[in-house]
N, C-alpha and C. Protein backbone atom coordinates (compact mmCIF):
# COMPACT_ATOMS: atom_id res chain seq x y z
N MET A 1 74.38 -58.68 -43.12
CA MET A 1 73.25 -59.46 -42.54
C MET A 1 74.05 -60.13 -41.16
N THR A 2 73.16 -60.05 -40.08
CA THR A 2 73.59 -60.71 -38.92
C THR A 2 73.37 -62.21 -38.93
N ASP A 3 74.04 -62.83 -38.03
CA ASP A 3 73.85 -64.31 -37.80
C ASP A 3 72.58 -64.50 -37.01
N LYS A 4 72.02 -65.64 -37.36
CA LYS A 4 70.74 -65.93 -36.75
C LYS A 4 71.04 -66.39 -35.35
N MET A 5 69.87 -66.10 -34.56
CA MET A 5 70.08 -66.49 -33.06
C MET A 5 70.18 -68.07 -33.07
N LYS A 6 71.03 -68.46 -32.25
CA LYS A 6 71.45 -70.04 -32.06
C LYS A 6 70.69 -70.61 -30.87
N ILE A 7 70.00 -71.62 -31.05
CA ILE A 7 69.27 -72.19 -29.89
C ILE A 7 69.87 -73.42 -29.65
N LYS A 8 70.42 -73.76 -28.48
CA LYS A 8 71.07 -75.10 -28.17
C LYS A 8 70.02 -76.23 -27.95
N GLU A 9 69.02 -75.84 -27.38
CA GLU A 9 67.96 -76.79 -27.05
C GLU A 9 67.20 -77.28 -28.12
N VAL A 10 66.62 -78.37 -28.15
CA VAL A 10 65.62 -78.70 -29.25
C VAL A 10 64.29 -78.21 -29.02
N ILE A 11 63.72 -77.73 -30.23
CA ILE A 11 62.36 -77.25 -30.04
C ILE A 11 61.46 -78.06 -30.52
N VAL A 12 60.35 -78.38 -29.55
CA VAL A 12 59.30 -79.36 -29.92
C VAL A 12 58.13 -78.55 -30.51
N VAL A 13 57.79 -78.69 -31.68
CA VAL A 13 56.72 -78.14 -32.43
C VAL A 13 55.74 -79.14 -32.89
N GLU A 14 54.55 -78.70 -33.41
CA GLU A 14 53.53 -79.70 -33.84
C GLU A 14 53.71 -80.22 -35.21
N GLY A 15 54.31 -79.58 -36.22
CA GLY A 15 54.46 -80.02 -37.54
C GLY A 15 55.43 -79.45 -38.30
N LYS A 16 55.73 -79.85 -39.58
CA LYS A 16 56.76 -79.34 -40.53
C LYS A 16 56.78 -77.94 -40.88
N ASP A 17 55.41 -77.39 -40.91
CA ASP A 17 55.28 -75.97 -41.34
C ASP A 17 55.91 -75.21 -40.12
N ASP A 18 55.63 -75.68 -38.94
CA ASP A 18 56.22 -74.90 -37.79
C ASP A 18 57.73 -75.07 -37.78
N THR A 19 58.33 -76.09 -38.25
CA THR A 19 59.77 -76.17 -38.31
C THR A 19 60.36 -75.24 -39.37
N LYS A 20 59.62 -75.18 -40.45
CA LYS A 20 60.01 -74.13 -41.40
C LYS A 20 60.10 -72.73 -40.96
N ARG A 21 59.10 -72.45 -40.17
CA ARG A 21 58.98 -71.04 -39.82
C ARG A 21 60.12 -70.76 -38.74
N ILE A 22 60.21 -71.78 -37.85
CA ILE A 22 61.27 -71.64 -36.75
C ILE A 22 62.63 -71.38 -37.52
N ASN A 23 62.94 -72.11 -38.45
CA ASN A 23 64.22 -72.07 -39.22
C ASN A 23 64.40 -70.82 -39.88
N LEU A 24 63.22 -70.10 -40.21
CA LEU A 24 63.50 -68.73 -40.89
C LEU A 24 63.92 -67.65 -39.66
N ALA A 25 63.53 -68.01 -38.48
CA ALA A 25 63.74 -67.04 -37.38
C ALA A 25 65.02 -67.25 -36.61
N VAL A 26 65.44 -68.76 -36.45
CA VAL A 26 66.61 -68.97 -35.68
C VAL A 26 67.22 -70.19 -36.24
N ASN A 27 68.28 -70.44 -35.80
CA ASN A 27 69.15 -71.74 -36.13
C ASN A 27 68.97 -72.77 -34.89
N ALA A 28 67.96 -73.73 -35.26
CA ALA A 28 67.56 -74.56 -34.18
C ALA A 28 67.34 -75.98 -34.71
N ASP A 29 67.45 -76.92 -33.92
CA ASP A 29 66.83 -78.39 -34.34
C ASP A 29 65.48 -78.41 -33.68
N THR A 30 64.59 -79.03 -34.43
CA THR A 30 63.16 -79.22 -33.88
C THR A 30 62.75 -80.68 -33.90
N LEU A 31 61.82 -81.17 -33.11
CA LEU A 31 61.19 -82.30 -33.19
C LEU A 31 59.64 -82.04 -33.28
N GLU A 32 59.07 -82.72 -34.31
CA GLU A 32 57.62 -82.57 -34.54
C GLU A 32 56.75 -83.55 -33.85
N THR A 33 55.75 -83.15 -33.15
CA THR A 33 54.89 -84.04 -32.59
C THR A 33 54.02 -84.66 -33.35
N ARG A 34 53.75 -84.07 -34.62
CA ARG A 34 52.59 -84.65 -35.77
C ARG A 34 51.36 -84.65 -35.16
N GLY A 35 50.96 -83.64 -34.43
CA GLY A 35 49.61 -83.57 -33.79
C GLY A 35 49.49 -83.75 -32.26
N SER A 36 48.36 -83.65 -31.68
CA SER A 36 48.23 -83.73 -30.28
C SER A 36 48.24 -85.23 -29.77
N ALA A 37 48.08 -86.23 -30.74
CA ALA A 37 48.14 -87.58 -30.11
C ALA A 37 49.66 -88.00 -30.09
N ILE A 38 50.32 -87.69 -28.95
CA ILE A 38 51.80 -87.87 -29.13
C ILE A 38 52.02 -89.38 -28.70
N SER A 39 52.85 -90.00 -29.56
CA SER A 39 53.20 -91.40 -29.32
C SER A 39 54.16 -91.53 -28.00
N ASP A 40 54.18 -92.84 -27.51
CA ASP A 40 55.13 -92.92 -26.34
C ASP A 40 56.52 -92.95 -26.92
N GLU A 41 56.68 -93.23 -28.15
CA GLU A 41 58.15 -93.04 -28.80
C GLU A 41 58.66 -91.78 -28.85
N THR A 42 57.61 -90.74 -29.15
CA THR A 42 57.87 -89.25 -29.22
C THR A 42 58.29 -88.81 -27.83
N LEU A 43 57.54 -89.29 -26.94
CA LEU A 43 57.70 -88.76 -25.52
C LEU A 43 59.03 -89.29 -25.03
N ALA A 44 59.43 -90.51 -25.38
CA ALA A 44 60.68 -91.06 -24.99
C ALA A 44 61.75 -90.19 -25.68
N GLN A 45 61.62 -89.87 -26.94
CA GLN A 45 62.64 -88.91 -27.59
C GLN A 45 62.72 -87.70 -26.80
N ILE A 46 61.52 -87.09 -26.51
CA ILE A 46 61.63 -85.72 -25.85
C ILE A 46 62.45 -85.67 -24.51
N GLU A 47 62.26 -86.89 -23.70
CA GLU A 47 62.79 -87.15 -22.56
C GLU A 47 64.25 -87.21 -22.73
N GLU A 48 64.74 -87.98 -23.77
CA GLU A 48 66.21 -88.16 -24.11
C GLU A 48 66.86 -86.77 -24.40
N LEU A 49 66.06 -86.17 -25.31
CA LEU A 49 66.67 -84.73 -25.72
C LEU A 49 66.71 -83.83 -24.56
N HIS A 50 65.68 -83.97 -23.63
CA HIS A 50 65.63 -83.05 -22.36
C HIS A 50 66.94 -83.30 -21.73
N ASP A 51 67.20 -84.45 -21.56
CA ASP A 51 68.34 -85.01 -20.58
C ASP A 51 69.72 -84.45 -21.26
N LYS A 52 69.82 -84.65 -22.70
CA LYS A 52 70.92 -84.31 -23.32
C LYS A 52 71.31 -82.81 -23.70
N ARG A 53 70.18 -82.26 -24.34
CA ARG A 53 70.36 -80.84 -24.67
C ARG A 53 69.42 -79.69 -24.16
N GLY A 54 68.31 -80.32 -23.66
CA GLY A 54 67.31 -79.31 -23.10
C GLY A 54 66.18 -79.31 -24.24
N VAL A 55 64.89 -79.02 -23.84
CA VAL A 55 63.92 -79.10 -24.68
C VAL A 55 63.04 -77.76 -24.52
N ILE A 56 62.54 -77.29 -25.60
CA ILE A 56 61.73 -76.04 -25.46
C ILE A 56 60.41 -76.41 -26.12
N VAL A 57 59.33 -76.33 -25.44
CA VAL A 57 57.89 -76.80 -25.92
C VAL A 57 57.51 -75.50 -26.49
N PHE A 58 57.20 -75.49 -27.84
CA PHE A 58 56.69 -74.25 -28.60
C PHE A 58 55.47 -74.64 -29.57
N THR A 59 54.24 -74.61 -28.82
CA THR A 59 53.26 -75.18 -29.61
C THR A 59 52.32 -74.00 -29.92
N ASP A 60 51.40 -74.15 -30.82
CA ASP A 60 50.26 -73.26 -31.18
C ASP A 60 49.41 -72.66 -29.81
N PRO A 61 49.03 -71.54 -29.99
CA PRO A 61 48.20 -71.11 -28.80
C PRO A 61 46.70 -71.26 -29.04
N ASP A 62 46.67 -72.55 -29.04
CA ASP A 62 45.06 -73.16 -29.03
C ASP A 62 44.96 -74.22 -28.24
N PHE A 63 43.81 -74.76 -28.22
CA PHE A 63 43.43 -76.06 -27.47
C PHE A 63 44.52 -77.33 -27.67
N SER A 64 44.62 -77.53 -29.08
CA SER A 64 45.62 -78.80 -29.31
C SER A 64 47.00 -78.49 -28.89
N GLY A 65 47.45 -77.13 -29.11
CA GLY A 65 48.57 -76.72 -28.55
C GLY A 65 48.88 -76.95 -27.05
N GLU A 66 47.82 -76.63 -26.20
CA GLU A 66 47.72 -76.65 -24.88
C GLU A 66 47.72 -77.99 -24.39
N LYS A 67 47.02 -78.87 -25.05
CA LYS A 67 47.17 -80.34 -25.00
C LYS A 67 48.41 -80.80 -25.07
N ILE A 68 49.10 -80.63 -26.10
CA ILE A 68 50.44 -81.18 -26.18
C ILE A 68 51.35 -80.63 -25.05
N ARG A 69 51.29 -79.57 -24.86
CA ARG A 69 52.23 -78.75 -23.84
C ARG A 69 51.84 -79.54 -22.50
N LYS A 70 50.79 -79.72 -21.98
CA LYS A 70 50.35 -80.50 -20.99
C LYS A 70 50.86 -81.90 -20.83
N ILE A 71 50.61 -82.58 -21.96
CA ILE A 71 51.08 -84.04 -22.02
C ILE A 71 52.65 -84.19 -21.77
N ILE A 72 53.40 -83.18 -22.47
CA ILE A 72 54.83 -83.20 -22.44
C ILE A 72 55.21 -82.83 -21.01
N GLN A 73 54.63 -81.78 -20.30
CA GLN A 73 55.14 -81.39 -19.05
C GLN A 73 54.85 -82.47 -17.99
N GLU A 74 53.75 -83.30 -18.12
CA GLU A 74 53.54 -84.29 -17.25
C GLU A 74 54.41 -85.47 -17.42
N ALA A 75 54.83 -85.76 -18.80
CA ALA A 75 55.71 -86.73 -18.86
C ALA A 75 57.28 -86.46 -18.80
N VAL A 76 57.69 -85.23 -19.01
CA VAL A 76 58.97 -84.66 -18.96
C VAL A 76 59.13 -83.39 -18.05
N PRO A 77 58.99 -83.57 -16.67
CA PRO A 77 59.07 -82.33 -15.99
C PRO A 77 60.26 -81.56 -16.25
N GLY A 78 60.14 -80.09 -16.00
CA GLY A 78 61.40 -79.24 -16.13
C GLY A 78 61.71 -78.88 -17.50
N VAL A 79 60.78 -79.16 -18.56
CA VAL A 79 61.11 -78.48 -19.86
C VAL A 79 60.87 -76.99 -19.74
N LYS A 80 61.38 -76.39 -20.80
CA LYS A 80 61.18 -74.98 -20.97
C LYS A 80 59.87 -74.78 -21.88
N HIS A 81 59.35 -73.56 -21.90
CA HIS A 81 58.35 -73.31 -22.76
C HIS A 81 58.37 -71.89 -23.37
N ALA A 82 57.93 -71.79 -24.44
CA ALA A 82 58.02 -70.54 -25.30
C ALA A 82 56.43 -70.44 -25.76
N PHE A 83 56.07 -69.09 -25.77
CA PHE A 83 54.49 -68.85 -25.95
C PHE A 83 54.52 -67.71 -26.99
N LEU A 84 53.76 -67.85 -27.85
CA LEU A 84 53.20 -66.82 -28.85
C LEU A 84 51.82 -66.38 -28.54
N THR A 85 51.54 -65.08 -28.75
CA THR A 85 50.20 -64.67 -28.49
C THR A 85 49.25 -64.97 -29.67
N LYS A 86 48.04 -65.07 -29.40
CA LYS A 86 47.17 -65.46 -30.54
C LYS A 86 47.37 -64.49 -31.68
N LYS A 87 47.44 -63.30 -31.44
CA LYS A 87 47.63 -62.21 -32.37
C LYS A 87 48.85 -62.52 -33.30
N ALA A 88 49.88 -63.00 -32.64
CA ALA A 88 51.27 -63.27 -33.42
C ALA A 88 51.03 -64.50 -34.19
N ALA A 89 50.11 -65.35 -33.77
CA ALA A 89 50.03 -66.62 -34.42
C ALA A 89 48.91 -66.73 -35.52
N ALA A 90 48.17 -65.61 -35.54
CA ALA A 90 47.00 -65.54 -36.56
C ALA A 90 47.42 -65.49 -37.93
N PRO A 91 46.75 -66.39 -38.80
CA PRO A 91 47.09 -66.37 -40.21
C PRO A 91 46.57 -65.08 -40.93
N ASP A 92 47.23 -64.77 -42.12
CA ASP A 92 46.78 -63.55 -42.88
C ASP A 92 45.36 -63.69 -43.34
N HIS A 93 45.09 -64.92 -43.66
CA HIS A 93 43.69 -65.04 -44.36
C HIS A 93 42.99 -66.08 -43.44
N LYS A 94 42.30 -66.99 -44.00
CA LYS A 94 41.46 -68.12 -43.20
C LYS A 94 42.50 -69.17 -42.79
N GLY A 95 42.22 -69.65 -41.68
CA GLY A 95 42.96 -70.84 -41.11
C GLY A 95 42.97 -70.69 -39.64
N SER A 96 43.75 -71.77 -39.13
CA SER A 96 43.70 -71.74 -37.78
C SER A 96 45.08 -70.99 -37.15
N LEU A 97 45.01 -70.92 -35.82
CA LEU A 97 46.29 -70.22 -35.16
C LEU A 97 47.48 -71.14 -35.26
N GLY A 98 48.56 -70.52 -35.57
CA GLY A 98 49.79 -71.50 -35.54
C GLY A 98 51.08 -71.01 -35.43
N VAL A 99 52.14 -71.52 -35.09
CA VAL A 99 53.52 -70.97 -35.15
C VAL A 99 53.94 -70.84 -36.45
N GLU A 100 53.24 -71.68 -37.38
CA GLU A 100 53.74 -71.36 -38.99
C GLU A 100 53.10 -70.26 -39.57
N HIS A 101 52.44 -69.26 -38.82
CA HIS A 101 52.03 -68.08 -39.28
C HIS A 101 52.80 -66.95 -38.58
N ALA A 102 53.62 -67.14 -37.62
CA ALA A 102 54.26 -66.10 -36.78
C ALA A 102 55.37 -65.48 -37.61
N ASP A 103 55.47 -64.01 -37.38
CA ASP A 103 56.59 -63.36 -38.01
C ASP A 103 57.80 -63.83 -37.31
N PRO A 104 59.03 -63.96 -37.98
CA PRO A 104 60.36 -64.45 -37.42
C PRO A 104 60.68 -63.68 -36.18
N GLU A 105 60.27 -62.30 -36.05
CA GLU A 105 60.76 -61.66 -34.92
C GLU A 105 59.88 -62.06 -33.60
N ALA A 106 58.65 -62.42 -33.88
CA ALA A 106 57.66 -62.79 -32.80
C ALA A 106 58.22 -64.14 -32.27
N ILE A 107 58.71 -64.99 -33.29
CA ILE A 107 59.40 -66.12 -32.83
C ILE A 107 60.57 -65.94 -31.94
N ARG A 108 61.49 -65.12 -32.46
CA ARG A 108 62.64 -64.87 -31.61
C ARG A 108 62.30 -64.32 -30.27
N GLU A 109 61.31 -63.32 -30.27
CA GLU A 109 60.96 -62.79 -28.85
C GLU A 109 60.45 -63.79 -27.96
N ALA A 110 59.49 -64.75 -28.49
CA ALA A 110 59.14 -65.79 -27.60
C ALA A 110 60.21 -66.60 -27.06
N LEU A 111 61.39 -66.88 -27.99
CA LEU A 111 62.47 -67.69 -27.52
C LEU A 111 63.39 -66.80 -26.57
N ARG A 112 63.27 -65.59 -26.50
CA ARG A 112 64.02 -64.83 -25.49
C ARG A 112 63.35 -64.83 -24.26
N ASN A 113 62.04 -65.03 -24.26
CA ASN A 113 61.36 -64.99 -23.08
C ASN A 113 60.73 -66.28 -22.50
N LEU A 114 61.73 -67.45 -22.42
CA LEU A 114 61.43 -68.69 -22.06
C LEU A 114 61.05 -68.85 -20.55
N TYR A 115 60.16 -69.76 -20.30
CA TYR A 115 59.83 -70.05 -18.81
C TYR A 115 60.19 -71.56 -18.66
N THR A 116 60.87 -71.84 -17.44
CA THR A 116 61.22 -73.05 -17.01
C THR A 116 60.11 -73.56 -15.87
N GLU A 117 59.75 -74.80 -16.11
CA GLU A 117 58.89 -75.22 -14.92
C GLU A 117 59.65 -75.41 -13.72
N GLU A 118 58.80 -75.09 -12.70
CA GLU A 118 59.41 -75.38 -11.25
C GLU A 118 58.37 -76.05 -10.49
N PRO A 119 58.03 -77.40 -10.94
CA PRO A 119 56.97 -77.97 -10.31
C PRO A 119 56.84 -78.06 -8.70
N ASP A 120 57.95 -78.12 -8.03
CA ASP A 120 57.98 -78.27 -6.67
C ASP A 120 58.06 -76.83 -5.88
N ALA A 121 58.07 -75.84 -6.64
CA ALA A 121 58.42 -74.45 -5.91
C ALA A 121 57.07 -74.05 -5.09
N THR A 122 57.42 -73.16 -4.15
CA THR A 122 56.46 -72.68 -3.26
C THR A 122 55.66 -71.54 -4.19
N PRO A 123 54.30 -71.57 -4.05
CA PRO A 123 53.43 -70.72 -4.73
C PRO A 123 53.89 -69.28 -4.31
N MET A 124 53.85 -68.38 -5.23
CA MET A 124 54.15 -67.04 -4.89
C MET A 124 52.68 -66.09 -5.00
N ILE A 125 51.97 -66.60 -5.92
CA ILE A 125 50.56 -65.96 -6.13
C ILE A 125 49.67 -66.85 -5.52
N SER A 126 48.60 -66.36 -4.80
CA SER A 126 47.48 -67.10 -4.30
C SER A 126 46.19 -67.15 -5.04
N ARG A 127 45.28 -67.88 -4.73
CA ARG A 127 44.06 -68.00 -5.28
C ARG A 127 43.36 -66.83 -5.01
N GLU A 128 43.52 -66.41 -3.92
CA GLU A 128 42.89 -65.16 -3.36
C GLU A 128 43.37 -63.88 -4.23
N ASP A 129 44.65 -63.99 -4.49
CA ASP A 129 45.20 -62.71 -5.46
C ASP A 129 44.51 -62.77 -6.66
N LEU A 130 44.27 -63.96 -7.34
CA LEU A 130 43.57 -64.12 -8.58
C LEU A 130 41.97 -63.58 -8.43
N ALA A 131 41.53 -63.95 -7.34
CA ALA A 131 39.88 -63.61 -7.22
C ALA A 131 39.80 -62.12 -7.06
N VAL A 132 40.82 -61.54 -6.20
CA VAL A 132 40.72 -60.02 -6.04
C VAL A 132 41.06 -59.37 -7.30
N ALA A 133 41.77 -59.90 -8.24
CA ALA A 133 42.29 -59.21 -9.44
C ALA A 133 41.13 -59.44 -10.61
N GLY A 134 40.05 -60.15 -10.20
CA GLY A 134 39.00 -60.39 -11.20
C GLY A 134 39.41 -61.34 -12.27
N LEU A 135 40.29 -62.16 -11.82
CA LEU A 135 40.88 -63.17 -13.02
C LEU A 135 40.20 -64.64 -12.90
N ILE A 136 39.45 -65.00 -11.97
CA ILE A 136 38.81 -66.33 -11.91
C ILE A 136 37.30 -66.10 -12.25
N SER A 137 36.71 -65.14 -11.69
CA SER A 137 35.10 -65.10 -12.04
C SER A 137 34.88 -63.60 -12.37
N GLY A 138 33.57 -63.61 -12.96
CA GLY A 138 33.18 -62.19 -13.13
C GLY A 138 33.04 -62.14 -14.68
N PRO A 139 32.47 -60.95 -15.04
CA PRO A 139 32.10 -60.68 -16.43
C PRO A 139 33.38 -60.47 -17.25
N LYS A 140 34.35 -59.97 -16.86
CA LYS A 140 35.48 -59.64 -17.72
C LYS A 140 36.62 -60.64 -17.44
N ALA A 141 36.52 -61.65 -16.65
CA ALA A 141 37.60 -62.78 -16.12
C ALA A 141 38.24 -63.21 -17.36
N LYS A 142 37.54 -63.68 -18.31
CA LYS A 142 38.12 -64.41 -19.54
C LYS A 142 39.04 -63.47 -20.23
N ILE A 143 38.60 -62.22 -20.54
CA ILE A 143 39.36 -61.31 -21.24
C ILE A 143 40.56 -60.87 -20.50
N ARG A 144 40.35 -60.59 -19.08
CA ARG A 144 41.58 -60.18 -18.29
C ARG A 144 42.57 -61.43 -18.21
N ARG A 145 42.12 -62.53 -18.12
CA ARG A 145 43.11 -63.68 -18.13
C ARG A 145 43.85 -63.72 -19.73
N ARG A 146 43.28 -63.55 -20.73
CA ARG A 146 43.86 -63.51 -21.91
C ARG A 146 44.87 -62.34 -22.09
N ILE A 147 44.51 -61.16 -21.61
CA ILE A 147 45.58 -60.06 -21.65
C ILE A 147 46.62 -60.36 -20.67
N LEU A 148 46.38 -60.73 -19.46
CA LEU A 148 47.39 -61.11 -18.43
C LEU A 148 48.40 -62.11 -19.11
N GLY A 149 47.82 -63.16 -19.61
CA GLY A 149 48.62 -64.26 -20.19
C GLY A 149 49.46 -63.90 -21.43
N GLU A 150 48.86 -62.83 -22.23
CA GLU A 150 49.75 -62.38 -23.33
C GLU A 150 50.88 -61.41 -22.76
N TYR A 151 50.50 -60.51 -21.82
CA TYR A 151 51.54 -59.63 -21.13
C TYR A 151 52.74 -60.53 -20.51
N LEU A 152 52.42 -61.62 -19.55
CA LEU A 152 53.34 -62.22 -18.92
C LEU A 152 54.00 -63.37 -19.93
N ARG A 153 53.48 -63.60 -21.27
CA ARG A 153 54.01 -64.59 -22.18
C ARG A 153 53.94 -66.03 -21.53
N ILE A 154 52.65 -66.29 -20.87
CA ILE A 154 52.49 -67.53 -20.53
C ILE A 154 51.41 -68.28 -21.03
N GLY A 155 50.79 -67.77 -22.29
CA GLY A 155 49.63 -68.19 -22.79
C GLY A 155 48.32 -68.11 -22.04
N TYR A 156 47.35 -68.40 -22.83
CA TYR A 156 45.94 -68.30 -22.32
C TYR A 156 45.47 -69.62 -21.39
N VAL A 157 44.97 -69.55 -20.40
CA VAL A 157 44.43 -70.74 -19.63
C VAL A 157 43.10 -70.17 -18.97
N ASN A 158 42.30 -71.20 -18.47
CA ASN A 158 41.19 -70.89 -17.77
C ASN A 158 41.38 -70.61 -16.38
N GLY A 159 40.35 -70.21 -15.70
CA GLY A 159 40.65 -69.80 -14.41
C GLY A 159 41.25 -70.76 -13.37
N LYS A 160 40.80 -72.00 -13.55
CA LYS A 160 41.41 -73.14 -12.79
C LYS A 160 42.98 -73.35 -13.04
N GLN A 161 43.32 -73.11 -14.27
CA GLN A 161 44.59 -73.43 -14.57
C GLN A 161 45.56 -72.22 -14.48
N LEU A 162 45.01 -71.15 -14.32
CA LEU A 162 45.84 -69.85 -14.21
C LEU A 162 46.79 -69.89 -12.89
N TYR A 163 46.16 -70.38 -11.86
CA TYR A 163 46.82 -70.37 -10.61
C TYR A 163 48.04 -71.26 -10.70
N LYS A 164 47.78 -72.45 -11.35
CA LYS A 164 48.99 -73.54 -11.55
C LYS A 164 49.91 -72.93 -12.51
N ARG A 165 49.54 -72.22 -13.48
CA ARG A 165 50.49 -71.93 -14.54
C ARG A 165 51.43 -70.80 -13.83
N LEU A 166 50.84 -69.76 -13.31
CA LEU A 166 51.67 -68.86 -12.64
C LEU A 166 52.61 -69.26 -11.71
N ASN A 167 52.26 -70.20 -10.85
CA ASN A 167 53.20 -70.85 -9.92
C ASN A 167 54.27 -71.76 -10.38
N LEU A 168 53.66 -72.50 -11.56
CA LEU A 168 54.68 -73.52 -12.25
C LEU A 168 55.73 -72.68 -12.93
N PHE A 169 55.48 -71.55 -13.38
CA PHE A 169 56.58 -70.69 -13.99
C PHE A 169 57.20 -69.75 -13.15
N GLN A 170 56.76 -69.72 -11.86
CA GLN A 170 57.40 -68.94 -10.89
C GLN A 170 57.16 -67.30 -11.19
N ILE A 171 56.06 -67.03 -11.58
CA ILE A 171 55.83 -65.55 -11.84
C ILE A 171 55.93 -64.83 -10.31
N THR A 172 56.66 -63.95 -10.26
CA THR A 172 56.90 -63.12 -8.98
C THR A 172 55.54 -62.31 -8.63
N PRO A 173 55.45 -61.94 -7.43
CA PRO A 173 54.55 -60.84 -7.09
C PRO A 173 54.60 -59.66 -7.69
N GLU A 174 56.04 -59.19 -8.04
CA GLU A 174 56.30 -58.07 -8.73
C GLU A 174 55.75 -57.91 -10.26
N GLU A 175 56.07 -59.16 -10.88
CA GLU A 175 55.70 -59.33 -12.34
C GLU A 175 54.03 -59.37 -12.31
N PHE A 176 53.63 -60.03 -11.35
CA PHE A 176 52.12 -60.12 -11.49
C PHE A 176 51.51 -58.78 -11.15
N ALA A 177 51.97 -58.08 -10.35
CA ALA A 177 51.45 -56.60 -9.98
C ALA A 177 51.75 -55.78 -11.35
N ALA A 178 53.00 -55.80 -11.97
CA ALA A 178 53.07 -55.15 -13.19
C ALA A 178 52.24 -55.58 -14.22
N ALA A 179 51.77 -56.77 -14.40
CA ALA A 179 50.72 -57.18 -15.33
C ALA A 179 49.40 -56.78 -15.09
N LEU A 180 49.17 -56.60 -13.73
CA LEU A 180 47.78 -55.96 -13.37
C LEU A 180 47.74 -54.56 -13.66
N ARG A 181 48.74 -53.83 -13.45
CA ARG A 181 48.85 -52.41 -13.89
C ARG A 181 48.69 -52.20 -15.40
N TYR A 182 49.37 -53.16 -16.25
CA TYR A 182 49.13 -53.06 -17.66
C TYR A 182 47.72 -53.26 -17.95
N LEU A 183 47.02 -54.42 -17.41
CA LEU A 183 45.85 -54.60 -17.57
C LEU A 183 44.72 -53.57 -17.34
N ASP A 184 44.99 -52.86 -16.08
CA ASP A 184 44.26 -51.67 -15.82
C ASP A 184 44.26 -50.60 -16.73
N GLN A 185 45.39 -50.32 -17.33
CA GLN A 185 45.72 -49.25 -18.38
C GLN A 185 44.95 -49.62 -19.48
N VAL A 186 45.06 -50.98 -20.09
CA VAL A 186 44.33 -51.38 -21.18
C VAL A 186 42.83 -51.12 -21.13
N GLU A 187 42.32 -51.68 -19.72
CA GLU A 187 40.81 -51.46 -19.56
C GLU A 187 40.45 -49.95 -19.49
N GLU A 188 41.22 -49.12 -19.21
CA GLU A 188 41.07 -47.68 -18.98
C GLU A 188 41.30 -46.99 -20.27
N GLY A 189 41.72 -47.76 -21.30
CA GLY A 189 41.92 -47.12 -22.61
C GLY A 189 43.10 -46.29 -22.81
N LYS A 190 44.06 -46.26 -21.77
CA LYS A 190 45.28 -45.50 -21.78
C LYS A 190 46.36 -46.10 -22.64
N ILE A 191 46.21 -47.33 -22.88
CA ILE A 191 47.05 -47.99 -23.86
C ILE A 191 46.49 -49.12 -24.65
N ASP A 192 46.95 -49.46 -25.84
CA ASP A 192 46.41 -50.46 -26.72
C ASP A 192 47.14 -51.63 -26.35
N GLU A 193 46.34 -52.98 -26.37
CA GLU A 193 46.99 -54.17 -25.96
C GLU A 193 47.86 -54.71 -27.15
C-alpha cells in the first residue's frame, strides 16, 4: 500500500461528511464552515491558518459552495482553490452535489490541480475573447461555460463571473486556447466530455 498524499495546507470544507471523504483520499487537516453562513470567527480562523500554513478552499460545485468560496476569497485574498466537476461530486442515488460523494481519486486529482488567486494580476483573457468564443451569450453559452470550467478545473460560473475567474486564476491564453479546442471537439462529437 502506498502512503497517502500529504497536504500541508488546511483544507476548508463545508461539513464533517466532506472531512471524512477528504481523509479517505489524503492525509490533511480540515476546517469545516458548517454551511454557507460563515461566522466572523470562522473567517478569522481561516485567515490565521492562511498566514501560518496556507488554506485550500474545497467546496461543493453548487450555489452554496460558490457562495462560501466567494466569501472566503473576499475576506482572505490569496487562498488556493480546488474544484470538483459536478459529475465527480454527484451522489450515487438521490441527494445534492457534494465533496462527500467524490471518489478519492477525484479528490486527489483536484488537489493536484490547485489554483491560487492573483487578484492584482494583469488580465490575460479579454471579455472580447469570451464573446468570440461564445461563452457569454448565445444558445450554447451556458453549456460551453460548464464544459470549459470542468476542463480548466475552475468550476462553473455565469457569464459575468467567467472573465473574473479566468483572470483571478491567471489562466493563460494557451490554456484558454487548449480548452476551446477541447470544447470544439466535444461539440463535434469527436470526444466525450
